[in-house]
Amino acid sequence: MAHESKQNQSFNDQARPLSVLRAMIDSIDHDVLHLLAKRNALVGEVAEYKRHHRRRIRDLTRERELLDDRRDRAIPLGLSPEMIESMFRLILWASRDRQAALKAEIPVDIEPKAVAIIGGKGGMGKCLANLFGDLGHAVMIADVDTQLSSKEAASVADVVVISVPIEATADVIRELGPLVKEESLLIDVCSVKSEPLSVMLDCCEGSVIGTHPLFGPSVHSLQGQRLVITHGRGDDWLVWLKSMFEARGLELLETTAERHDKAMAIVQVLTHFSTEVMGKTMARIGVPIDETLLFTSPIYMLEMFMTARHFAQSPRLYGSIQMSNPETPAVTAAYIEAAEALHKIATDQDREAFKKTFDEVRAYFGDFTEQAMAQSDFLIDRIVERT
């Protein structure tokens, strides 16, 4: 005991006060901020170079080399390579976002077009107006309460974008499609593609392209966001539109309307339906959210974030998505059938049947499970950091 007391006294005599240690850490953190600012200035020069040399913002090879280098340098410094990679991934994202803000992928010699956004005061309409406006095009906004009518805008524009509620899309196309000039382009942004594309081809003599942004209008950056293109008519306009979207950093997926709708029945309909069932079940049981969060795991917290986020948004939008997809009846019926089968297994306490089902589904996911474990571990770590 006397020996331990002497050791503690020796430590107390030599240790720097906590306030001094914290002040030293603050000073180092401030130096880090200044270095990040210097890095940010260089990113601005990179953006200028890329714009004048027609280079894409994202360079995956460069990013991988950079991340590998930073991981390798972290180890002899006693730093976690995983932590360092996570930090630099965020820095790289911020770098790409700054380059986009500086219009690095926007050509300096772009030919301006007259672009009419029908429904331009809605969320996605505003997003698209900003997108085309940033590219230097003359954007006209037409909505139910604008002085400029949709018919006037559609009849004079080089590019007409239909960005209205899903249930109104086909009717608006039938009304405006015949007014679009033969040399112009008609686009929709509906989350189902078969019907809008068919109606556009029937009602419009001009070029026709269906699109579906796989993101919401509130995203912080368009960099890396995915957008579906279903080509209808007009090869020259297709090349033009792809170049415009790519200039804003979007990742494009060209496909058919039928393939798109079948995929979205899973990506949107099944996902939303599952979230809605969970939310309705919890509301019906009546368990207080705050009570469950006292016992939360990171996975439950993630589920709660996504469920609450879903119900914080527009019921009109989500109802339209579910009720407009031609695959909805089959997908929701399959969900109910699977739920009933799992309900029987659980109530019967049939562990063998549960294991068999578990193994069958695991086999279905195959090698994707490894990627899922790695990515979900990353998300869980971020949630734990912020809660």
Protein backbone atom coordinates (compact mmCIF):
# COMPACT_ATOMS: atom_id res chain seq x y z
CA MET A 1 0.00 0.00 0.00
CA ALA A 2 2.86 2.35 0.86
CA HIS A 3 4.50 1.55 -2.49
CA GLU A 4 1.26 2.36 -4.36
CA SER A 5 0.90 5.59 -2.40
CA LYS A 6 4.41 6.68 -3.41
CA GLN A 7 3.65 5.86 -7.06
CA ASN A 8 0.45 7.91 -6.95
CA GLN A 9 2.28 10.82 -5.31
CA SER A 10 5.01 10.62 -7.97
CA PHE A 11 2.36 10.67 -10.74
CA ASN A 12 0.59 13.64 -9.19
CA ASP A 13 3.87 15.55 -8.96
CA GLN A 14 4.73 14.95 -12.63
CA ALA A 15 1.28 15.01 -14.29
CA ARG A 16 0.17 18.09 -16.18
CA PRO A 17 -3.18 19.53 -15.11
CA LEU A 18 -6.22 18.42 -17.09
CA SER A 19 -6.91 22.01 -18.14
CA VAL A 20 -3.41 22.24 -19.66
CA LEU A 21 -3.83 18.96 -21.52
CA ARG A 22 -7.16 20.09 -22.92
CA ALA A 23 -5.69 23.41 -24.01
CA MET A 24 -2.91 21.55 -25.84
CA ILE A 25 -5.48 19.32 -27.58
CA ASP A 26 -7.48 22.41 -28.58
CA SER A 27 -4.35 23.94 -30.10
CA ILE A 28 -3.65 20.80 -32.14
CA ASP A 29 -7.29 20.66 -33.28
CA HIS A 30 -7.04 24.28 -34.42
CA ASP A 31 -3.94 23.38 -36.43
CA VAL A 32 -5.88 20.54 -38.03
CA LEU A 33 -8.61 22.99 -39.03
CA HIS A 34 -6.07 25.31 -40.64
CA LEU A 35 -4.63 22.37 -42.58
CA LEU A 36 -8.09 21.36 -43.74
CA ALA A 37 -8.64 24.94 -44.91
CA LYS A 38 -5.38 24.79 -46.89
CA ARG A 39 -6.51 21.48 -48.38
CA ASN A 40 -9.85 23.03 -49.28
CA ALA A 41 -8.09 25.84 -51.15
CA LEU A 42 -6.19 23.27 -53.22
CA VAL A 43 -9.48 21.49 -53.94
CA GLY A 44 -10.68 24.77 -55.46
CA GLU A 45 -7.72 24.73 -57.85
CA VAL A 46 -8.46 21.10 -58.70
CA ALA A 47 -12.06 22.06 -59.54
CA GLU A 48 -10.87 24.82 -61.88
CA TYR A 49 -8.46 22.44 -63.63
CA LYS A 50 -11.12 19.75 -64.06
CA ARG A 51 -13.63 22.19 -65.51
CA HIS A 52 -11.26 23.49 -68.17
CA HIS A 53 -9.95 20.00 -69.03
CA ARG A 54 -13.35 18.23 -69.00
CA ARG A 55 -12.45 15.87 -66.16
CA ARG A 56 -15.00 14.12 -63.97
CA ILE A 57 -15.11 15.12 -60.31
CA ARG A 58 -14.89 11.59 -59.00
CA ASP A 59 -11.79 9.49 -59.68
CA LEU A 60 -12.30 6.12 -58.00
CA THR A 61 -8.73 4.96 -58.70
CA ARG A 62 -7.29 8.08 -57.06
CA GLU A 63 -9.64 7.71 -54.09
CA ARG A 64 -8.66 4.08 -53.52
CA GLU A 65 -4.95 4.92 -53.73
CA LEU A 66 -5.40 7.80 -51.29
CA LEU A 67 -7.35 5.71 -48.78
CA ASP A 68 -4.82 2.85 -48.95
CA ASP A 69 -1.97 5.31 -48.41
CA ARG A 70 -3.63 6.95 -45.40
CA ARG A 71 -4.43 3.57 -43.85
CA ASP A 72 -0.83 2.40 -44.29
CA ARG A 73 0.56 5.59 -42.78
CA ALA A 74 -1.79 5.33 -39.81
CA ILE A 75 -0.44 2.01 -38.54
CA PRO A 76 3.14 3.03 -37.57
CA LEU A 77 1.67 6.17 -35.97
CA GLY A 78 -0.41 4.05 -33.62
CA LEU A 79 -3.70 5.10 -35.22
CA SER A 80 -6.57 2.83 -36.18
CA PRO A 81 -6.52 2.34 -39.98
CA GLU A 82 -10.29 1.84 -39.96
CA MET A 83 -10.83 5.13 -38.13
CA ILE A 84 -8.45 6.97 -40.47
CA GLU A 85 -10.16 5.54 -43.57
CA SER A 86 -13.56 6.58 -42.21
CA MET A 87 -12.29 10.10 -41.56
CA PHE A 88 -10.75 10.47 -45.01
CA ARG A 89 -13.85 9.12 -46.71
CA LEU A 90 -15.72 12.04 -45.16
CA ILE A 91 -12.99 14.44 -46.27
CA LEU A 92 -13.20 13.07 -49.81
CA TRP A 93 -16.97 13.49 -49.82
CA ALA A 94 -16.57 17.11 -48.73
CA SER A 95 -13.96 17.59 -51.45
CA ARG A 96 -16.30 16.28 -54.15
CA ASP A 97 -19.11 18.44 -52.83
CA ARG A 98 -16.92 21.56 -52.96
CA GLN A 99 -15.86 20.75 -56.53
CA ALA A 100 -19.51 20.39 -57.48
CA ALA A 101 -20.34 23.74 -55.86
CA LEU A 102 -17.55 25.26 -57.94
CA LYS A 103 -19.14 23.69 -61.06
CA ALA A 104 -16.13 21.54 -61.87
CA GLU A 105 -18.08 19.28 -64.25
CA ILE A 106 -20.03 22.02 -66.00
CA PRO A 107 -18.54 22.73 -69.46
CA VAL A 108 -17.37 26.30 -69.97
CA ASP A 109 -18.82 26.39 -73.49
CA ILE A 110 -22.28 24.89 -72.88
CA GLU A 111 -25.07 25.90 -75.29
CA PRO A 112 -27.99 27.32 -73.27
CA LYS A 113 -31.47 25.87 -73.79
CA ALA A 114 -34.91 27.05 -72.72
CA VAL A 115 -36.07 24.54 -70.09
CA ALA A 116 -39.65 24.49 -68.79
CA ILE A 117 -40.26 22.76 -65.45
CA ILE A 118 -43.95 21.85 -65.19
CA GLY A 119 -44.57 21.60 -61.46
CA GLY A 120 -41.47 23.65 -60.80
CA LYS A 121 -42.58 24.82 -57.35
CA GLY A 122 -42.63 21.30 -55.94
CA GLY A 123 -39.64 19.70 -54.23
CA MET A 124 -38.26 17.79 -57.20
CA GLY A 125 -39.26 20.60 -59.56
CA LYS A 126 -37.11 23.05 -57.59
CA CYS A 127 -34.24 20.55 -57.55
CA LEU A 128 -34.37 20.17 -61.33
CA ALA A 129 -34.73 23.91 -61.84
CA ASN A 130 -31.53 24.42 -59.85
CA LEU A 131 -29.80 21.63 -61.76
CA PHE A 132 -30.52 23.11 -65.18
CA GLY A 133 -30.05 26.65 -63.95
CA ASP A 134 -26.57 25.83 -62.63
CA LEU A 135 -25.73 24.54 -66.09
CA GLY A 136 -26.51 27.93 -67.58
CA HIS A 137 -29.90 27.15 -69.12
CA ALA A 138 -32.86 29.55 -69.09
CA VAL A 139 -35.36 27.92 -66.73
CA MET A 140 -39.10 28.64 -66.83
CA ILE A 141 -41.23 27.62 -63.85
CA ALA A 142 -44.86 26.71 -64.49
CA ASP A 143 -47.16 25.53 -61.73
CA VAL A 144 -50.79 25.80 -60.67
CA ASP A 145 -50.28 29.28 -59.19
CA THR A 146 -47.72 30.82 -61.55
CA GLN A 147 -48.45 33.58 -64.03
CA LEU A 148 -46.79 31.52 -66.74
CA SER A 149 -49.15 28.70 -67.69
CA SER A 150 -48.00 25.15 -68.34
CA LYS A 151 -49.34 25.32 -71.89
CA GLU A 152 -47.41 28.52 -72.65
CA ALA A 153 -44.19 27.08 -71.25
CA ALA A 154 -44.53 23.72 -73.03
CA SER A 155 -45.19 25.33 -76.41
CA VAL A 156 -42.00 27.45 -76.45
CA ALA A 157 -39.41 25.45 -74.51
CA ASP A 158 -36.57 23.40 -75.96
CA VAL A 159 -36.86 20.98 -73.04
CA VAL A 160 -40.11 20.29 -71.15
CA VAL A 161 -39.85 18.48 -67.81
CA ILE A 162 -43.02 17.02 -66.26
CA SER A 163 -42.56 17.04 -62.47
CA VAL A 164 -46.06 16.65 -61.05
CA PRO A 165 -47.66 14.14 -58.63
CA ILE A 166 -47.59 10.57 -59.92
CA GLU A 167 -51.35 10.25 -60.24
CA ALA A 168 -51.51 13.41 -62.38
CA THR A 169 -48.52 12.65 -64.62
CA ALA A 170 -50.30 10.83 -67.44
CA ASP A 171 -53.09 13.43 -67.68
CA VAL A 172 -50.61 16.32 -67.73
CA ILE A 173 -48.63 14.60 -70.48
CA ARG A 174 -51.80 14.11 -72.54
CA GLU A 175 -52.57 17.81 -72.15
CA LEU A 176 -49.11 19.20 -72.87
CA GLY A 177 -47.49 16.55 -75.06
CA PRO A 178 -49.16 17.73 -78.29
CA LEU A 179 -47.88 21.28 -77.64
CA VAL A 180 -44.21 20.28 -77.43
CA LYS A 181 -42.29 21.25 -80.56
CA GLU A 182 -41.14 18.46 -82.85
CA GLU A 183 -37.52 19.53 -82.40
CA SER A 184 -37.84 19.68 -78.60
CA LEU A 185 -37.48 17.17 -75.77
CA LEU A 186 -40.18 15.95 -73.35
CA ILE A 187 -39.08 14.38 -70.04
CA ASP A 188 -40.91 12.99 -67.03
CA VAL A 189 -39.50 12.23 -63.57
CA CYS A 190 -42.16 9.79 -62.36
CA SER A 191 -41.21 6.83 -60.13
CA VAL A 192 -43.05 4.46 -62.47
CA LYS A 193 -41.99 4.42 -66.08
CA SER A 194 -44.14 2.17 -68.26
CA GLU A 195 -47.29 4.29 -68.43
CA PRO A 196 -45.65 7.76 -68.60
CA LEU A 197 -43.23 6.69 -71.32
CA SER A 198 -46.00 5.11 -73.37
CA VAL A 199 -48.22 8.19 -73.03
CA MET A 200 -45.36 10.54 -73.96
CA LEU A 201 -44.62 8.53 -77.12
CA ASP A 202 -48.30 8.57 -78.08
CA CYS A 203 -48.98 12.26 -77.39
CA CYS A 204 -45.74 13.98 -78.39
CA GLU A 205 -44.09 14.35 -81.80
CA GLY A 206 -40.79 15.46 -80.28
CA SER A 207 -38.06 13.48 -78.57
CA VAL A 208 -39.09 11.57 -75.45
CA ILE A 209 -37.05 10.35 -72.48
CA GLY A 210 -38.30 8.95 -69.18
CA THR A 211 -36.26 9.58 -66.04
CA HIS A 212 -36.51 8.69 -62.37
CA PRO A 213 -34.26 10.36 -59.78
CA LEU A 214 -33.47 7.71 -57.16
CA PHE A 215 -33.14 10.38 -54.49
CA GLY A 216 -35.30 12.95 -52.79
CA PRO A 217 -35.20 16.69 -53.43
CA SER A 218 -33.70 17.40 -49.99
CA VAL A 219 -30.33 15.71 -50.66
CA HIS A 220 -27.35 17.81 -49.64
CA SER A 221 -25.47 17.10 -52.87
CA LEU A 222 -26.21 15.54 -56.26
CA GLN A 223 -22.74 14.01 -56.33
CA GLY A 224 -23.01 10.24 -56.73
CA GLN A 225 -26.82 10.22 -56.68
CA ARG A 226 -28.38 7.75 -59.09
CA LEU A 227 -30.86 8.59 -61.84
CA VAL A 228 -32.66 6.15 -64.15
CA ILE A 229 -33.04 6.89 -67.87
CA THR A 230 -35.54 5.07 -70.10
CA HIS A 231 -35.04 6.15 -73.70
CA GLY A 232 -38.11 6.65 -75.84
CA ARG A 233 -37.24 8.68 -78.94
CA GLY A 234 -34.44 11.01 -80.08
CA ASP A 235 -30.80 9.90 -79.97
CA ASP A 236 -29.28 13.40 -80.10
CA TRP A 237 -31.36 14.58 -77.17
CA LEU A 238 -30.39 11.43 -75.24
CA VAL A 239 -26.71 12.29 -75.63
CA TRP A 240 -27.43 15.88 -74.55
CA LEU A 241 -29.46 14.92 -71.49
CA LYS A 242 -26.90 12.37 -70.31
CA SER A 243 -24.15 14.97 -70.59
CA MET A 244 -26.19 17.44 -68.55
CA PHE A 245 -26.87 14.99 -65.74
CA GLU A 246 -23.28 13.75 -65.70
CA ALA A 247 -22.08 17.35 -65.54
CA ARG A 248 -23.87 17.65 -62.20
CA GLY A 249 -22.25 14.48 -60.86
CA LEU A 250 -25.20 12.10 -61.21
CA GLU A 251 -24.66 8.38 -61.79
CA LEU A 252 -26.88 7.24 -64.67
CA LEU A 253 -28.58 3.88 -65.18
CA GLU A 254 -30.08 3.25 -68.62
CA THR A 255 -32.78 0.58 -68.66
CA THR A 256 -36.22 -0.29 -70.00
CA ALA A 257 -39.46 0.93 -68.44
CA GLU A 258 -40.56 -2.64 -67.69
CA ARG A 259 -37.31 -3.59 -65.96
CA HIS A 260 -37.41 -0.37 -63.96
CA ASP A 261 -40.95 -0.93 -62.69
CA LYS A 262 -40.24 -4.51 -61.62
CA ALA A 263 -37.12 -3.43 -59.73
CA MET A 264 -38.91 -0.51 -58.07
CA ALA A 265 -41.61 -2.87 -56.85
CA ILE A 266 -38.88 -4.25 -54.56
CA VAL A 267 -36.77 -1.13 -53.97
CA GLN A 268 -39.74 1.13 -53.22
CA VAL A 269 -43.00 -0.79 -52.82
CA LEU A 270 -41.73 -3.70 -50.71
CA THR A 271 -39.45 -1.47 -48.62
CA HIS A 272 -42.14 1.14 -47.96
CA PHE A 273 -44.79 -1.50 -47.28
CA SER A 274 -42.53 -3.19 -44.72
CA THR A 275 -41.82 0.15 -43.03
CA GLU A 276 -45.52 1.01 -42.95
CA VAL A 277 -46.40 -2.36 -41.42
CA MET A 278 -43.80 -1.82 -38.70
CA GLY A 279 -45.04 1.69 -37.95
CA LYS A 280 -48.70 0.65 -37.87
CA THR A 281 -47.91 -2.35 -35.65
CA MET A 282 -46.07 -0.18 -33.13
CA ALA A 283 -48.86 2.39 -33.14
CA ARG A 284 -51.46 -0.35 -32.64
CA ILE A 285 -49.55 -1.89 -29.72
CA GLY A 286 -49.17 1.58 -28.29
CA VAL A 287 -45.72 1.13 -26.78
CA PRO A 288 -44.13 4.53 -25.93
CA ILE A 289 -41.23 5.27 -28.28
CA ASP A 290 -39.17 6.83 -25.47
CA GLU A 291 -39.54 3.67 -23.42
CA THR A 292 -38.19 1.47 -26.22
CA LEU A 293 -35.28 3.85 -26.83
CA LEU A 294 -34.09 3.30 -23.26
CA PHE A 295 -33.32 -0.26 -24.32
CA THR A 296 -32.30 0.47 -27.90
CA SER A 297 -29.69 -1.38 -29.85
CA PRO A 298 -27.99 0.34 -32.80
CA ILE A 299 -30.01 -1.79 -35.23
CA TYR A 300 -33.31 -0.82 -33.58
CA MET A 301 -32.25 2.83 -33.57
CA LEU A 302 -31.55 2.63 -37.31
CA GLU A 303 -34.96 1.04 -37.89
CA MET A 304 -36.64 3.76 -35.83
CA PHE A 305 -34.87 6.51 -37.74
CA MET A 306 -36.03 5.12 -41.09
CA THR A 307 -39.58 4.39 -39.90
CA ALA A 308 -40.08 7.82 -38.31
CA ARG A 309 -38.49 9.47 -41.36
CA HIS A 310 -40.96 7.67 -43.61
CA PHE A 311 -44.03 8.83 -41.68
CA ALA A 312 -42.68 12.39 -41.38
CA GLN A 313 -43.09 12.78 -45.14
CA SER A 314 -46.01 13.05 -47.56
CA PRO A 315 -48.71 10.33 -47.41
CA ARG A 316 -49.81 11.46 -50.87
CA LEU A 317 -46.36 10.74 -52.30
CA TYR A 318 -45.94 7.33 -50.69
CA GLY A 319 -49.50 6.33 -51.42
CA SER A 320 -49.01 7.21 -55.07
CA ILE A 321 -45.77 5.24 -55.28
CA GLN A 322 -47.44 2.12 -53.88
CA MET A 323 -50.67 2.41 -55.82
CA SER A 324 -49.13 3.29 -59.20
CA ASN A 325 -46.72 0.40 -59.59
CA PRO A 326 -48.26 -2.47 -61.61
CA GLU A 327 -46.34 -5.02 -59.50
CA THR A 328 -47.76 -3.81 -56.16
CA PRO A 329 -50.51 -6.47 -55.76
CA ALA A 330 -48.09 -9.36 -56.31
CA VAL A 331 -45.34 -7.94 -54.09
CA THR A 332 -47.58 -7.03 -51.14
CA ALA A 333 -49.36 -10.40 -51.37
CA ALA A 334 -45.97 -12.16 -51.23
CA TYR A 335 -45.07 -10.08 -48.15
CA ILE A 336 -48.28 -11.06 -46.35
CA GLU A 337 -47.76 -14.73 -47.27
CA ALA A 338 -44.20 -14.65 -45.89
CA ALA A 339 -45.36 -12.89 -42.72
CA GLU A 340 -48.07 -15.50 -42.13
CA ALA A 341 -45.58 -18.35 -42.64
CA LEU A 342 -43.11 -16.82 -40.17
CA HIS A 343 -45.94 -16.12 -37.73
CA LYS A 344 -46.91 -19.79 -37.74
CA ILE A 345 -43.30 -20.89 -37.25
CA ALA A 346 -42.88 -18.55 -34.27
CA THR A 347 -46.18 -19.42 -32.56
CA ASP A 348 -45.60 -23.14 -33.12
CA GLN A 349 -42.05 -22.72 -31.74
CA ASP A 350 -40.83 -24.78 -34.69
CA ARG A 351 -37.08 -24.24 -34.46
CA GLU A 352 -36.28 -26.60 -37.32
CA ALA A 353 -38.61 -24.75 -39.66
CA PHE A 354 -37.11 -21.45 -38.51
CA LYS A 355 -33.57 -22.66 -39.22
CA LYS A 356 -34.61 -23.97 -42.62
CA THR A 357 -36.18 -20.63 -43.54
CA PHE A 358 -33.17 -18.75 -42.19
CA ASP A 359 -30.75 -20.88 -44.23
CA GLU A 360 -32.84 -20.53 -47.39
CA VAL A 361 -32.86 -16.75 -47.15
CA ARG A 362 -29.16 -16.60 -46.30
CA ALA A 363 -28.43 -18.68 -49.41
CA TYR A 364 -30.54 -16.27 -51.46
CA PHE A 365 -28.41 -13.30 -50.34
CA GLY A 366 -25.20 -15.24 -51.00
CA ASP A 367 -21.96 -13.25 -51.06
CA PHE A 368 -23.88 -10.01 -50.54
CA THR A 369 -24.01 -10.88 -46.82
CA GLU A 370 -20.30 -10.08 -46.47
CA GLN A 371 -20.74 -6.64 -47.99
CA ALA A 372 -23.85 -6.13 -45.88
CA MET A 373 -21.97 -6.94 -42.67
CA ALA A 374 -19.14 -4.52 -43.49
CA GLN A 375 -21.41 -1.65 -44.54
CA SER A 376 -23.87 -2.09 -41.68
CA ASP A 377 -20.97 -2.20 -39.19
CA PHE A 378 -19.92 1.20 -40.54
CA LEU A 379 -23.45 2.59 -40.20
CA ILE A 380 -23.79 1.20 -36.69
CA ASP A 381 -20.53 2.83 -35.65
CA ARG A 382 -21.73 6.18 -36.98
CA ILE A 383 -25.05 5.88 -35.12
CA VAL A 384 -23.30 4.99 -31.86
CA GLU A 385 -21.04 8.04 -32.29
CA ARG A 386 -24.01 10.40 -32.64
CA THR A 387 -26.27 9.02 -29.87
